Amino acid sequence: MAKETGGIVLIKDDIMDVVKAIKLSKLTMRKIKQNLGWALGYNTSAIPIAALGFLNPIIAAAAMSASSLSVVTNAATLKFAKLK
């Protein structure tokens, strides 16, 4: 019952894990905002250019794939975050 109602569940007896969880959540929100910014910037600039015919569809598709890859790569950097 306590696991279901608790905001954070400690597995070990180290209270510093709460501090690490808070730091990780702040880093995660920062990454989410960065990724939304990059995706919004790309979509607001590249989609109209492609829709007007100034950009080859193959290049637009490659750029969209590169955009998705950059978002995933940016999110993956959380794995290496120092939470001391």
N, C-alpha and C. Protein backbone atom coordinates (compact mmCIF):
# COMPACT_ATOMS: atom_id res chain seq x y z
N MET A 1 0.82 -1.18 0.00
CA MET A 1 0.00 0.00 0.00
C MET A 1 0.88 1.26 0.00
N ALA A 2 1.93 1.24 0.76
CA ALA A 2 2.79 2.43 0.85
C ALA A 2 3.50 2.71 -0.47
N LYS A 3 3.88 1.67 -1.20
CA LYS A 3 4.55 1.86 -2.49
C LYS A 3 3.63 2.53 -3.49
N GLU A 4 2.35 2.23 -3.43
CA GLU A 4 1.41 2.80 -4.38
C GLU A 4 1.10 4.26 -4.08
N THR A 5 1.17 4.67 -2.85
CA THR A 5 0.82 6.04 -2.49
C THR A 5 2.03 6.96 -2.37
N GLY A 6 3.22 6.40 -2.28
CA GLY A 6 4.42 7.22 -2.11
C GLY A 6 4.86 7.86 -3.41
N GLY A 7 5.32 9.12 -3.32
CA GLY A 7 5.86 9.81 -4.48
C GLY A 7 7.20 9.25 -4.88
N ILE A 8 8.01 8.89 -3.90
CA ILE A 8 9.32 8.30 -4.12
C ILE A 8 9.44 7.10 -3.18
N VAL A 9 9.90 5.97 -3.71
CA VAL A 9 10.09 4.78 -2.90
C VAL A 9 11.59 4.51 -2.84
N LEU A 10 12.14 4.47 -1.64
CA LEU A 10 13.56 4.19 -1.46
C LEU A 10 13.78 2.69 -1.40
N ILE A 11 14.70 2.22 -2.22
CA ILE A 11 15.03 0.80 -2.22
C ILE A 11 16.10 0.51 -1.18
N LYS A 12 17.06 1.44 -1.05
CA LYS A 12 18.14 1.28 -0.07
C LYS A 12 17.86 2.17 1.14
N ASP A 13 18.70 2.07 2.13
CA ASP A 13 18.54 2.86 3.35
C ASP A 13 19.27 4.20 3.28
N ASP A 14 19.46 4.73 2.08
CA ASP A 14 20.20 5.98 1.92
C ASP A 14 19.24 7.11 1.59
N ILE A 15 19.11 8.05 2.51
CA ILE A 15 18.20 9.18 2.32
C ILE A 15 18.68 10.11 1.21
N MET A 16 19.95 10.05 0.85
CA MET A 16 20.49 10.89 -0.23
C MET A 16 19.91 10.49 -1.59
N ASP A 17 19.31 9.33 -1.68
CA ASP A 17 18.66 8.92 -2.93
C ASP A 17 17.50 9.85 -3.27
N VAL A 18 16.88 10.45 -2.26
CA VAL A 18 15.81 11.42 -2.51
C VAL A 18 16.38 12.65 -3.20
N VAL A 19 17.53 13.11 -2.75
CA VAL A 19 18.19 14.27 -3.36
C VAL A 19 18.58 13.94 -4.80
N LYS A 20 19.10 12.75 -5.02
CA LYS A 20 19.46 12.33 -6.38
C LYS A 20 18.24 12.26 -7.28
N ALA A 21 17.13 11.78 -6.76
CA ALA A 21 15.91 11.69 -7.55
C ALA A 21 15.40 13.08 -7.94
N ILE A 22 15.50 14.02 -7.04
CA ILE A 22 15.09 15.40 -7.34
C ILE A 22 15.99 16.01 -8.39
N LYS A 23 17.31 15.80 -8.26
CA LYS A 23 18.24 16.32 -9.27
C LYS A 23 17.98 15.69 -10.64
N LEU A 24 17.73 14.39 -10.64
CA LEU A 24 17.45 13.71 -11.90
C LEU A 24 16.16 14.23 -12.54
N SER A 25 15.17 14.50 -11.72
CA SER A 25 13.91 15.02 -12.28
C SER A 25 14.10 16.41 -12.86
N LYS A 26 14.93 17.23 -12.24
CA LYS A 26 15.22 18.57 -12.78
C LYS A 26 15.99 18.47 -14.09
N LEU A 27 16.97 17.57 -14.15
CA LEU A 27 17.71 17.35 -15.40
C LEU A 27 16.79 16.83 -16.50
N THR A 28 15.88 15.95 -16.14
CA THR A 28 14.95 15.40 -17.12
C THR A 28 14.05 16.49 -17.68
N MET A 29 13.54 17.37 -16.83
CA MET A 29 12.70 18.47 -17.32
C MET A 29 13.50 19.40 -18.22
N ARG A 30 14.77 19.64 -17.90
CA ARG A 30 15.61 20.49 -18.75
C ARG A 30 15.79 19.85 -20.13
N LYS A 31 16.01 18.53 -20.16
CA LYS A 31 16.16 17.82 -21.43
C LYS A 31 14.87 17.85 -22.24
N ILE A 32 13.73 17.70 -21.56
CA ILE A 32 12.45 17.75 -22.26
C ILE A 32 12.26 19.11 -22.92
N LYS A 33 12.58 20.18 -22.20
CA LYS A 33 12.44 21.53 -22.75
C LYS A 33 13.40 21.74 -23.92
N GLN A 34 14.64 21.25 -23.80
CA GLN A 34 15.59 21.36 -24.90
C GLN A 34 15.08 20.63 -26.14
N ASN A 35 14.61 19.41 -25.95
CA ASN A 35 14.13 18.62 -27.08
C ASN A 35 12.90 19.25 -27.73
N LEU A 36 12.00 19.79 -26.92
CA LEU A 36 10.84 20.48 -27.49
C LEU A 36 11.26 21.71 -28.26
N GLY A 37 12.23 22.43 -27.75
CA GLY A 37 12.73 23.61 -28.44
C GLY A 37 13.34 23.27 -29.80
N TRP A 38 14.18 22.24 -29.82
CA TRP A 38 14.80 21.84 -31.08
C TRP A 38 13.75 21.35 -32.07
N ALA A 39 12.81 20.55 -31.61
CA ALA A 39 11.78 20.02 -32.51
C ALA A 39 10.88 21.14 -33.02
N LEU A 40 10.51 22.06 -32.16
CA LEU A 40 9.68 23.18 -32.58
C LEU A 40 10.42 24.06 -33.58
N GLY A 41 11.69 24.32 -33.30
CA GLY A 41 12.50 25.13 -34.23
C GLY A 41 12.63 24.48 -35.60
N TYR A 42 12.87 23.21 -35.60
CA TYR A 42 13.01 22.50 -36.87
C TYR A 42 11.69 22.52 -37.64
N ASN A 43 10.61 22.18 -36.96
CA ASN A 43 9.32 22.07 -37.64
C ASN A 43 8.80 23.42 -38.13
N THR A 44 9.04 24.47 -37.39
CA THR A 44 8.55 25.78 -37.83
C THR A 44 9.38 26.36 -38.96
N SER A 45 10.59 25.88 -39.13
CA SER A 45 11.42 26.40 -40.23
C SER A 45 11.45 25.48 -41.44
N ALA A 46 11.61 24.19 -41.24
CA ALA A 46 11.81 23.27 -42.36
C ALA A 46 10.51 22.86 -43.05
N ILE A 47 9.45 22.70 -42.31
CA ILE A 47 8.20 22.25 -42.93
C ILE A 47 7.66 23.27 -43.93
N PRO A 48 7.60 24.56 -43.60
CA PRO A 48 7.13 25.51 -44.62
C PRO A 48 8.04 25.57 -45.85
N ILE A 49 9.35 25.46 -45.65
CA ILE A 49 10.28 25.46 -46.79
C ILE A 49 10.02 24.26 -47.69
N ALA A 50 9.80 23.10 -47.08
CA ALA A 50 9.51 21.90 -47.86
C ALA A 50 8.13 21.99 -48.53
N ALA A 51 7.16 22.56 -47.82
CA ALA A 51 5.81 22.66 -48.37
C ALA A 51 5.77 23.61 -49.57
N LEU A 52 6.61 24.63 -49.57
CA LEU A 52 6.65 25.57 -50.68
C LEU A 52 7.45 25.03 -51.87
N GLY A 53 8.09 23.89 -51.67
CA GLY A 53 8.80 23.25 -52.78
C GLY A 53 10.25 23.69 -52.92
N PHE A 54 10.77 24.41 -51.94
CA PHE A 54 12.16 24.86 -52.00
C PHE A 54 13.15 23.82 -51.50
N LEU A 55 12.63 22.71 -50.99
CA LEU A 55 13.48 21.68 -50.41
C LEU A 55 13.09 20.33 -51.01
N ASN A 56 14.07 19.61 -51.46
CA ASN A 56 13.86 18.28 -52.03
C ASN A 56 13.25 17.38 -50.95
N PRO A 57 12.19 16.62 -51.27
CA PRO A 57 11.56 15.76 -50.26
C PRO A 57 12.50 14.74 -49.64
N ILE A 58 13.46 14.25 -50.40
CA ILE A 58 14.42 13.29 -49.85
C ILE A 58 15.30 13.96 -48.80
N ILE A 59 15.72 15.18 -49.08
CA ILE A 59 16.54 15.92 -48.12
C ILE A 59 15.71 16.27 -46.88
N ALA A 60 14.44 16.63 -47.09
CA ALA A 60 13.56 16.93 -45.96
C ALA A 60 13.37 15.70 -45.07
N ALA A 61 13.20 14.53 -45.70
CA ALA A 61 13.03 13.30 -44.92
C ALA A 61 14.31 12.97 -44.14
N ALA A 62 15.45 13.17 -44.76
CA ALA A 62 16.73 12.92 -44.07
C ALA A 62 16.91 13.90 -42.91
N ALA A 63 16.52 15.16 -43.13
CA ALA A 63 16.64 16.15 -42.06
C ALA A 63 15.70 15.82 -40.90
N MET A 64 14.51 15.33 -41.21
CA MET A 64 13.58 14.94 -40.15
C MET A 64 14.12 13.76 -39.36
N SER A 65 14.73 12.82 -40.04
CA SER A 65 15.34 11.68 -39.34
C SER A 65 16.50 12.15 -38.47
N ALA A 66 17.29 13.07 -38.98
CA ALA A 66 18.40 13.62 -38.19
C ALA A 66 17.88 14.38 -36.98
N SER A 67 16.77 15.08 -37.14
CA SER A 67 16.16 15.79 -36.02
C SER A 67 15.72 14.81 -34.94
N SER A 68 15.07 13.73 -35.35
CA SER A 68 14.63 12.72 -34.37
C SER A 68 15.82 12.06 -33.68
N LEU A 69 16.86 11.80 -34.44
CA LEU A 69 18.06 11.19 -33.87
C LEU A 69 18.72 12.13 -32.86
N SER A 70 18.74 13.42 -33.16
CA SER A 70 19.35 14.37 -32.22
C SER A 70 18.56 14.47 -30.93
N VAL A 71 17.23 14.38 -31.01
CA VAL A 71 16.40 14.41 -29.81
C VAL A 71 16.67 13.18 -28.95
N VAL A 72 16.74 12.02 -29.57
CA VAL A 72 16.99 10.78 -28.83
C VAL A 72 18.40 10.80 -28.22
N THR A 73 19.37 11.29 -28.98
CA THR A 73 20.74 11.36 -28.46
C THR A 73 20.83 12.33 -27.29
N ASN A 74 20.15 13.46 -27.39
CA ASN A 74 20.15 14.42 -26.30
C ASN A 74 19.51 13.82 -25.05
N ALA A 75 18.43 13.08 -25.21
CA ALA A 75 17.80 12.44 -24.05
C ALA A 75 18.68 11.35 -23.45
N ALA A 76 19.44 10.68 -24.30
CA ALA A 76 20.31 9.60 -23.81
C ALA A 76 21.46 10.11 -22.96
N THR A 77 21.77 11.40 -23.05
CA THR A 77 22.86 11.93 -22.23
C THR A 77 22.50 11.92 -20.74
N LEU A 78 21.22 11.76 -20.40
CA LEU A 78 20.84 11.66 -19.00
C LEU A 78 21.46 10.45 -18.31
N LYS A 79 21.76 9.44 -19.11
CA LYS A 79 22.35 8.22 -18.53
C LYS A 79 23.71 8.52 -17.89
N PHE A 80 24.39 9.53 -18.40
CA PHE A 80 25.74 9.84 -17.92
C PHE A 80 25.75 11.02 -16.95
N ALA A 81 24.62 11.43 -16.46
CA ALA A 81 24.52 12.57 -15.56
C ALA A 81 25.16 12.24 -14.20
N LYS A 82 25.90 13.20 -13.69
CA LYS A 82 26.52 13.07 -12.36
C LYS A 82 25.54 13.60 -11.32
N LEU A 83 25.06 12.76 -10.45
CA LEU A 83 24.05 13.13 -9.48
C LEU A 83 24.59 13.16 -8.05
N LYS A 84 25.78 13.55 -7.86
CA LYS A 84 26.37 13.54 -6.51
C LYS A 84 25.85 14.65 -5.67
